[in-house]
Amino acid sequence: MNYWLNRLVAFSLVVIVSWGLFASSTPALLRQHHETPGVLRYHAQDSLKDRDGNTWQVLLFPDKSQGIKTTYYLRLVGFPGINSFNHPQSLEILTSQGKIFTATDAYAQSSPAPNVGQYDLTSIISQLPNKQSLKLSVPLENNRELALKIPQAVLTEWQLLTQEIE
């Protein structure tokens, strides 16, 4: 009897420890950078793959240089020479409930590089859901389209960033 009880206890401990090690909890991570000497800023930065398997840097960052109100920009950066944005084009954001948001192209006049797009999320950032995922869509050159899924963990980072600023 003791033999089976010991085995049951050992098995239970293995299951509990394994569950703790392999549980898929992704902590929100904000990065900080020095915008200018003495001025520390935070941003959310993630690497995500599009449906074609291309990796994109996705950065959400606040900008206070325009005045008192904070502007939130979403910058999408692809690998040079692979994809080019077709400026000016709005970014479309689709929620899992089917709601569509639109963000204007901040690089409508000029872009620092063809593989960089930046969009103003200021008016919609507070309306984005935090317990779901999003799909981003924007036209690229050569009749292609960038389609990125933004997972819930990234949305948690975005919410944390906006709370830090307020």
Protein backbone atom coordinates (compact mmCIF):
# COMPACT_ATOMS: atom_id res chain seq x y z
CA MET A 1 0.00 0.00 0.00
CA ASN A 2 2.82 2.39 0.89
CA TYR A 3 4.45 1.63 -2.46
CA TRP A 4 1.41 2.87 -4.44
CA LEU A 5 0.96 5.90 -2.24
CA ASN A 6 4.60 6.90 -2.75
CA ARG A 7 4.25 6.44 -6.51
CA LEU A 8 1.07 8.55 -6.56
CA VAL A 9 2.74 11.33 -4.59
CA ALA A 10 5.82 11.23 -6.85
CA PHE A 11 3.65 11.27 -9.99
CA SER A 12 1.63 14.22 -8.64
CA LEU A 13 4.80 16.18 -7.92
CA VAL A 14 6.12 15.51 -11.44
CA VAL A 15 2.84 16.72 -12.97
CA ILE A 16 2.74 19.87 -10.82
CA VAL A 17 6.37 20.78 -11.50
CA SER A 18 6.00 20.05 -15.24
CA TRP A 19 2.88 22.18 -15.45
CA GLY A 20 4.71 25.06 -13.80
CA LEU A 21 7.68 24.75 -16.14
CA PHE A 22 5.73 24.47 -19.37
CA ALA A 23 2.75 26.73 -18.72
CA SER A 24 2.50 29.29 -21.50
CA SER A 25 2.56 32.55 -19.61
CA THR A 26 4.33 35.27 -21.51
CA PRO A 27 5.24 38.20 -19.30
CA ALA A 28 4.76 41.66 -20.70
CA LEU A 29 8.07 43.32 -21.43
CA LEU A 30 8.63 47.01 -21.96
CA ARG A 31 11.98 48.20 -23.22
CA GLN A 32 13.56 51.51 -22.37
CA HIS A 33 15.84 53.72 -24.40
CA HIS A 34 17.42 57.13 -24.05
CA GLU A 35 15.67 59.46 -26.45
CA THR A 36 18.08 62.26 -25.59
CA PRO A 37 20.60 62.57 -22.77
CA GLY A 38 18.67 62.44 -19.51
CA VAL A 39 15.33 61.53 -21.19
CA LEU A 40 14.31 57.89 -20.74
CA ARG A 41 11.43 56.53 -22.84
CA TYR A 42 9.65 53.18 -22.93
CA HIS A 43 8.43 51.21 -25.93
CA ALA A 44 6.98 47.79 -26.70
CA GLN A 45 8.96 45.83 -29.29
CA ASP A 46 8.25 42.37 -30.66
CA SER A 47 9.32 40.24 -33.63
CA LEU A 48 6.38 38.65 -35.43
CA LYS A 49 6.08 36.58 -38.58
CA ASP A 50 3.59 37.37 -41.32
CA ARG A 51 1.60 34.70 -43.16
CA ASP A 52 4.46 34.34 -45.68
CA GLY A 53 6.99 33.59 -42.91
CA ASN A 54 8.75 36.98 -43.10
CA THR A 55 9.81 38.48 -39.76
CA TRP A 56 8.73 42.01 -38.84
CA GLN A 57 9.72 44.24 -35.95
CA VAL A 58 6.57 45.67 -34.38
CA LEU A 59 7.16 48.69 -32.14
CA LEU A 60 4.61 50.73 -30.24
CA PHE A 61 6.01 53.91 -28.75
CA PRO A 62 4.78 57.20 -27.31
CA ASP A 63 5.90 60.55 -28.69
CA LYS A 64 5.52 63.72 -26.62
CA SER A 65 7.50 65.97 -28.97
CA GLN A 66 4.34 67.37 -30.59
CA GLY A 67 3.16 69.11 -27.42
CA ILE A 68 1.32 68.23 -24.25
CA LYS A 69 -0.67 65.31 -25.67
CA THR A 70 1.09 61.95 -26.12
CA THR A 71 0.94 60.48 -29.61
CA TYR A 72 1.20 56.70 -29.99
CA TYR A 73 2.88 55.33 -33.09
CA LEU A 74 3.05 51.77 -34.35
CA ARG A 75 6.15 51.19 -36.46
CA LEU A 76 6.44 48.12 -38.66
CA VAL A 77 9.89 47.26 -39.98
CA GLY A 78 10.51 44.47 -42.47
CA PHE A 79 13.78 43.04 -43.70
CA PRO A 80 15.31 45.42 -46.31
CA GLY A 81 14.83 44.31 -49.90
CA ILE A 82 12.07 41.81 -49.10
CA ASN A 83 8.99 44.04 -48.67
CA SER A 84 8.29 47.70 -49.36
CA PHE A 85 5.39 49.77 -48.09
CA ASN A 86 3.10 51.48 -50.55
CA HIS A 87 2.77 54.96 -49.00
CA PRO A 88 0.37 56.55 -48.27
CA GLN A 89 -1.88 53.71 -47.12
CA SER A 90 -3.84 53.35 -43.90
CA LEU A 91 -3.32 50.43 -41.55
CA GLU A 92 -6.40 48.31 -40.93
CA ILE A 93 -6.82 46.62 -37.55
CA LEU A 94 -9.37 43.82 -37.18
CA THR A 95 -10.47 42.54 -33.76
CA SER A 96 -11.60 38.97 -33.13
CA GLN A 97 -15.17 40.30 -32.81
CA GLY A 98 -15.00 41.77 -36.32
CA LYS A 99 -14.58 45.43 -35.38
CA ILE A 100 -12.35 47.35 -37.78
CA PHE A 101 -10.11 50.27 -36.80
CA THR A 102 -8.06 52.40 -39.17
CA ALA A 103 -4.77 54.15 -38.42
CA THR A 104 -3.32 56.84 -40.68
CA ASP A 105 0.05 56.54 -42.37
CA ALA A 106 2.52 58.75 -40.49
CA TYR A 107 4.97 58.40 -43.41
CA ALA A 108 2.51 59.55 -46.05
CA GLN A 109 4.94 62.23 -47.28
CA SER A 110 8.25 60.41 -46.87
CA SER A 111 9.61 57.29 -45.21
CA PRO A 112 13.11 56.75 -43.80
CA ALA A 113 13.32 53.49 -45.80
CA PRO A 114 10.99 51.50 -48.11
CA ASN A 115 10.71 48.67 -45.57
CA VAL A 116 9.45 50.95 -42.76
CA GLY A 117 5.85 51.92 -42.09
CA GLN A 118 4.55 54.00 -39.20
CA TYR A 119 0.95 54.55 -38.15
CA ASP A 120 -0.75 56.89 -35.69
CA LEU A 121 -2.75 54.83 -33.15
CA THR A 122 -3.46 57.71 -30.76
CA SER A 123 -7.21 57.94 -31.39
CA ILE A 124 -7.80 54.18 -31.21
CA ILE A 125 -5.23 52.79 -28.76
CA SER A 126 -7.62 52.95 -25.80
CA GLN A 127 -10.33 51.11 -27.78
CA LEU A 128 -8.23 48.09 -28.67
CA PRO A 129 -9.16 44.92 -26.76
CA ASN A 130 -6.64 43.51 -24.30
CA LYS A 131 -7.97 39.97 -23.86
CA GLN A 132 -7.89 38.95 -27.51
CA SER A 133 -5.66 39.07 -30.55
CA LEU A 134 -5.71 41.47 -33.50
CA LYS A 135 -4.95 41.23 -37.18
CA LEU A 136 -3.08 44.06 -38.88
CA SER A 137 -3.33 44.58 -42.62
CA VAL A 138 -1.67 47.13 -44.91
CA PRO A 139 -0.95 47.12 -48.66
CA LEU A 140 2.64 46.64 -49.79
CA GLU A 141 4.18 47.33 -53.19
CA ASN A 142 3.72 44.88 -56.07
CA ASN A 143 0.07 44.21 -55.14
CA ARG A 144 1.06 42.41 -51.95
CA GLU A 145 -0.38 42.81 -48.48
CA LEU A 146 1.17 42.64 -45.04
CA ALA A 147 -1.02 40.58 -42.71
CA LEU A 148 0.19 40.22 -39.12
CA LYS A 149 -1.50 38.58 -36.16
CA ILE A 150 -0.89 40.48 -32.92
CA PRO A 151 -1.18 38.00 -30.03
CA GLN A 152 -2.74 38.78 -26.67
CA ALA A 153 0.68 38.95 -24.96
CA VAL A 154 1.70 41.81 -27.26
CA LEU A 155 -1.58 43.63 -26.56
CA THR A 156 -0.81 43.28 -22.84
CA GLU A 157 2.52 45.02 -23.47
CA TRP A 158 0.72 47.80 -25.34
CA GLN A 159 -1.73 48.31 -22.49
CA LEU A 160 1.10 48.37 -19.97
CA LEU A 161 2.89 50.99 -22.05
CA THR A 162 -0.14 53.26 -22.22
CA GLN A 163 -0.69 52.90 -18.47
CA GLU A 164 2.95 53.81 -17.75
CA ILE A 165 2.60 57.03 -19.74
CA GLU A 166 -0.69 58.23 -18.24
